[in-house]
C-alpha atoms as a PDB file:
ATOM      1  CA  UNK A   1      11.849   2.339 -10.541  1.00  0.00           C
ATOM      2  CA  UNK A   2      12.353   1.595  -6.859  1.00  0.00           C
ATOM      3  CA  UNK A   3       9.374   1.225  -4.573  1.00  0.00           C
ATOM      4  CA  UNK A   4       9.949   0.830  -0.850  1.00  0.00           C
ATOM      5  CA  UNK A   5       8.024  -1.783   1.099  1.00  0.00           C
ATOM      6  CA  UNK A   6       6.090  -0.253   3.955  1.00  0.00           C
ATOM      7  CA  UNK A   7       4.067  -1.892   6.697  1.00  0.00           C
ATOM      8  CA  UNK A   8       0.729  -0.234   7.313  1.00  0.00           C
ATOM      9  CA  UNK A   9      -2.139  -0.996   9.654  1.00  0.00           C
ATOM     10  CA  UNK A  10      -5.635  -1.482   8.280  1.00  0.00           C
ATOM     11  CA  UNK A  11      -8.876  -2.472   9.957  1.00  0.00           C
ATOM     12  CA  UNK A  12     -10.296  -5.507   8.151  1.00  0.00           C
ATOM     13  CA  UNK A  13     -13.732  -6.706   9.208  1.00  0.00           C
ATOM     14  CA  UNK A  14     -13.318  -5.032  12.586  1.00  0.00           C
ATOM     15  CA  UNK A  15      -9.823  -6.382  13.247  1.00  0.00           C
ATOM     16  CA  UNK A  16      -6.629  -4.381  12.980  1.00  0.00           C
ATOM     17  CA  UNK A  17      -3.990  -6.050  10.830  1.00  0.00           C
ATOM     18  CA  UNK A  18      -0.737  -4.925   9.295  1.00  0.00           C
ATOM     19  CA  UNK A  19       0.049  -5.366   5.633  1.00  0.00           C
ATOM     20  CA  UNK A  20       3.423  -4.944   3.946  1.00  0.00           C
ATOM     21  CA  UNK A  21       3.242  -3.606   0.400  1.00  0.00           C
ATOM     22  CA  UNK A  22       5.402  -1.565  -1.918  1.00  0.00           C
ATOM     23  CA  UNK A  23       4.406   2.096  -2.183  1.00  0.00           C
ATOM     24  CA  UNK A  24       3.317   1.636  -5.806  1.00  0.00           C
ATOM     25  CA  UNK A  25       0.792  -1.036  -4.788  1.00  0.00           C
ATOM     26  CA  UNK A  26      -0.531   1.082  -1.884  1.00  0.00           C
ATOM     27  CA  UNK A  27      -0.969   4.061  -4.201  1.00  0.00           C
ATOM     28  CA  UNK A  28      -2.823   2.006  -6.781  1.00  0.00           C
ATOM     29  CA  UNK A  29      -4.956   0.306  -4.122  1.00  0.00           C
ATOM     30  CA  UNK A  30      -6.036   3.704  -2.749  1.00  0.00           C
ATOM     31  CA  UNK A  31      -6.884   4.846  -6.292  1.00  0.00           C
ATOM     32  CA  UNK A  32      -8.976   1.726  -6.908  1.00  0.00           C
ATOM     33  CA  UNK A  33     -10.846   2.298  -3.634  1.00  0.00           C
ATOM     34  CA  UNK A  34     -11.611   5.895  -4.676  1.00  0.00           C
ATOM     35  CA  UNK A  35     -12.736   4.778  -8.132  1.00  0.00           C
ATOM     36  CA  UNK A  36     -15.045   2.153  -6.636  1.00  0.00           C
ATOM     37  CA  UNK A  37     -16.242   4.590  -3.947  1.00  0.00           C
ATOM     38  CA  UNK A  38     -15.110   2.297  -1.148  1.00  0.00           C
ATOM     39  CA  UNK A  39     -13.036   2.916   1.916  1.00  0.00           C
ATOM     40  CA  UNK A  40      -9.615   1.355   1.795  1.00  0.00           C
ATOM     41  CA  UNK A  41     -10.594  -0.887   4.705  1.00  0.00           C
ATOM     42  CA  UNK A  42     -13.725  -2.098   2.870  1.00  0.00           C
ATOM     43  CA  UNK A  43     -11.768  -2.868  -0.313  1.00  0.00           C
ATOM     44  CA  UNK A  44      -9.117  -4.776   1.641  1.00  0.00           C
ATOM     45  CA  UNK A  45     -11.868  -6.703   3.447  1.00  0.00           C
ATOM     46  CA  UNK A  46     -13.401  -7.682   0.095  1.00  0.00           C
ATOM     47  CA  UNK A  47     -10.009  -8.833  -1.183  1.00  0.00           C
ATOM     48  CA  UNK A  48      -9.456 -10.764   2.042  1.00  0.00           C
ATOM     49  CA  UNK A  49     -12.832 -12.503   1.792  1.00  0.00           C
ATOM     50  CA  UNK A  50     -12.312 -13.556  -1.821  1.00  0.00           C
ATOM     51  CA  UNK A  51      -8.712 -14.777  -1.640  1.00  0.00           C
ATOM     52  CA  UNK A  52      -8.209 -18.448  -2.269  1.00  0.00           C
ATOM     53  CA  UNK A  53      -4.774 -18.908  -0.682  1.00  0.00           C
ATOM     54  CA  UNK A  54      -1.627 -17.061   0.241  1.00  0.00           C
ATOM     55  CA  UNK A  55      -1.260 -14.136   2.543  1.00  0.00           C
ATOM     56  CA  UNK A  56      -3.224 -10.910   2.372  1.00  0.00           C
ATOM     57  CA  UNK A  57      -0.322  -8.846   1.009  1.00  0.00           C
ATOM     58  CA  UNK A  58       0.053 -11.254  -1.911  1.00  0.00           C
ATOM     59  CA  UNK A  59      -3.698 -11.261  -2.514  1.00  0.00           C
ATOM     60  CA  UNK A  60      -3.684  -7.448  -2.680  1.00  0.00           C
ATOM     61  CA  UNK A  61      -0.786  -7.421  -5.156  1.00  0.00           C
ATOM     62  CA  UNK A  62      -2.601  -9.916  -7.386  1.00  0.00           C
ATOM     63  CA  UNK A  63      -5.858  -7.938  -7.114  1.00  0.00           C
ATOM     64  CA  UNK A  64      -4.123  -4.704  -8.132  1.00  0.00           C
ATOM     65  CA  UNK A  65      -2.323  -6.424 -11.018  1.00  0.00           C
ATOM     66  CA  UNK A  66      -5.548  -7.980 -12.307  1.00  0.00           C
ATOM     67  CA  UNK A  67      -7.438  -4.688 -11.963  1.00  0.00           C
ATOM     68  CA  UNK A  68      -4.805  -2.786 -13.943  1.00  0.00           C
ATOM     69  CA  UNK A  69      -4.629  -5.485 -16.628  1.00  0.00           C
ATOM     70  CA  UNK A  70      -8.422  -5.533 -17.026  1.00  0.00           C
ATOM     71  CA  UNK A  71      -8.557  -1.751 -17.354  1.00  0.00           C
ATOM     72  CA  UNK A  72      -5.814  -1.780 -19.991  1.00  0.00           C
ATOM     73  CA  UNK A  73      -7.681  -4.461 -21.929  1.00  0.00           C
ATOM     74  CA  UNK A  74     -10.898  -2.401 -21.806  1.00  0.00           C
ATOM     75  CA  UNK A  75      -9.058   0.731 -22.906  1.00  0.00           C
ATOM     76  CA  UNK A  76      -7.392  -1.013 -25.844  1.00  0.00           C
ATOM     77  CA  UNK A  77     -10.750  -2.509 -26.928  1.00  0.00           C
ATOM     78  CA  UNK A  78     -12.435   0.881 -27.160  1.00  0.00           C
ATOM     79  CA  UNK A  79     -12.817   2.300 -30.665  1.00  0.00           C
ATOM     80  CA  UNK A  80     -10.553   5.216 -31.440  1.00  0.00           C
ATOM     81  CA  UNK A  81     -12.460   8.509 -31.879  1.00  0.00           C
ATOM     82  CA  UNK A  82     -11.738  10.269 -35.157  1.00  0.00           C
END
């Protein structure tokens, strides 16, 4: 599966910044924002504020990966309905 890297502009804490991410990460990030009832800008600002090191694009990729992994773990822990 090929996912193109695209540079997009986002307002983070009142400042416009550009972030380069693969389409798959952007799509998942938008879905997470909808699920959490946040704007994309607010979610990116939260990720930015909590990152320990690295650039913002990397922090977003790691956030998305962790979010997906946690959801899979929760889903697999649920009892199967019979």
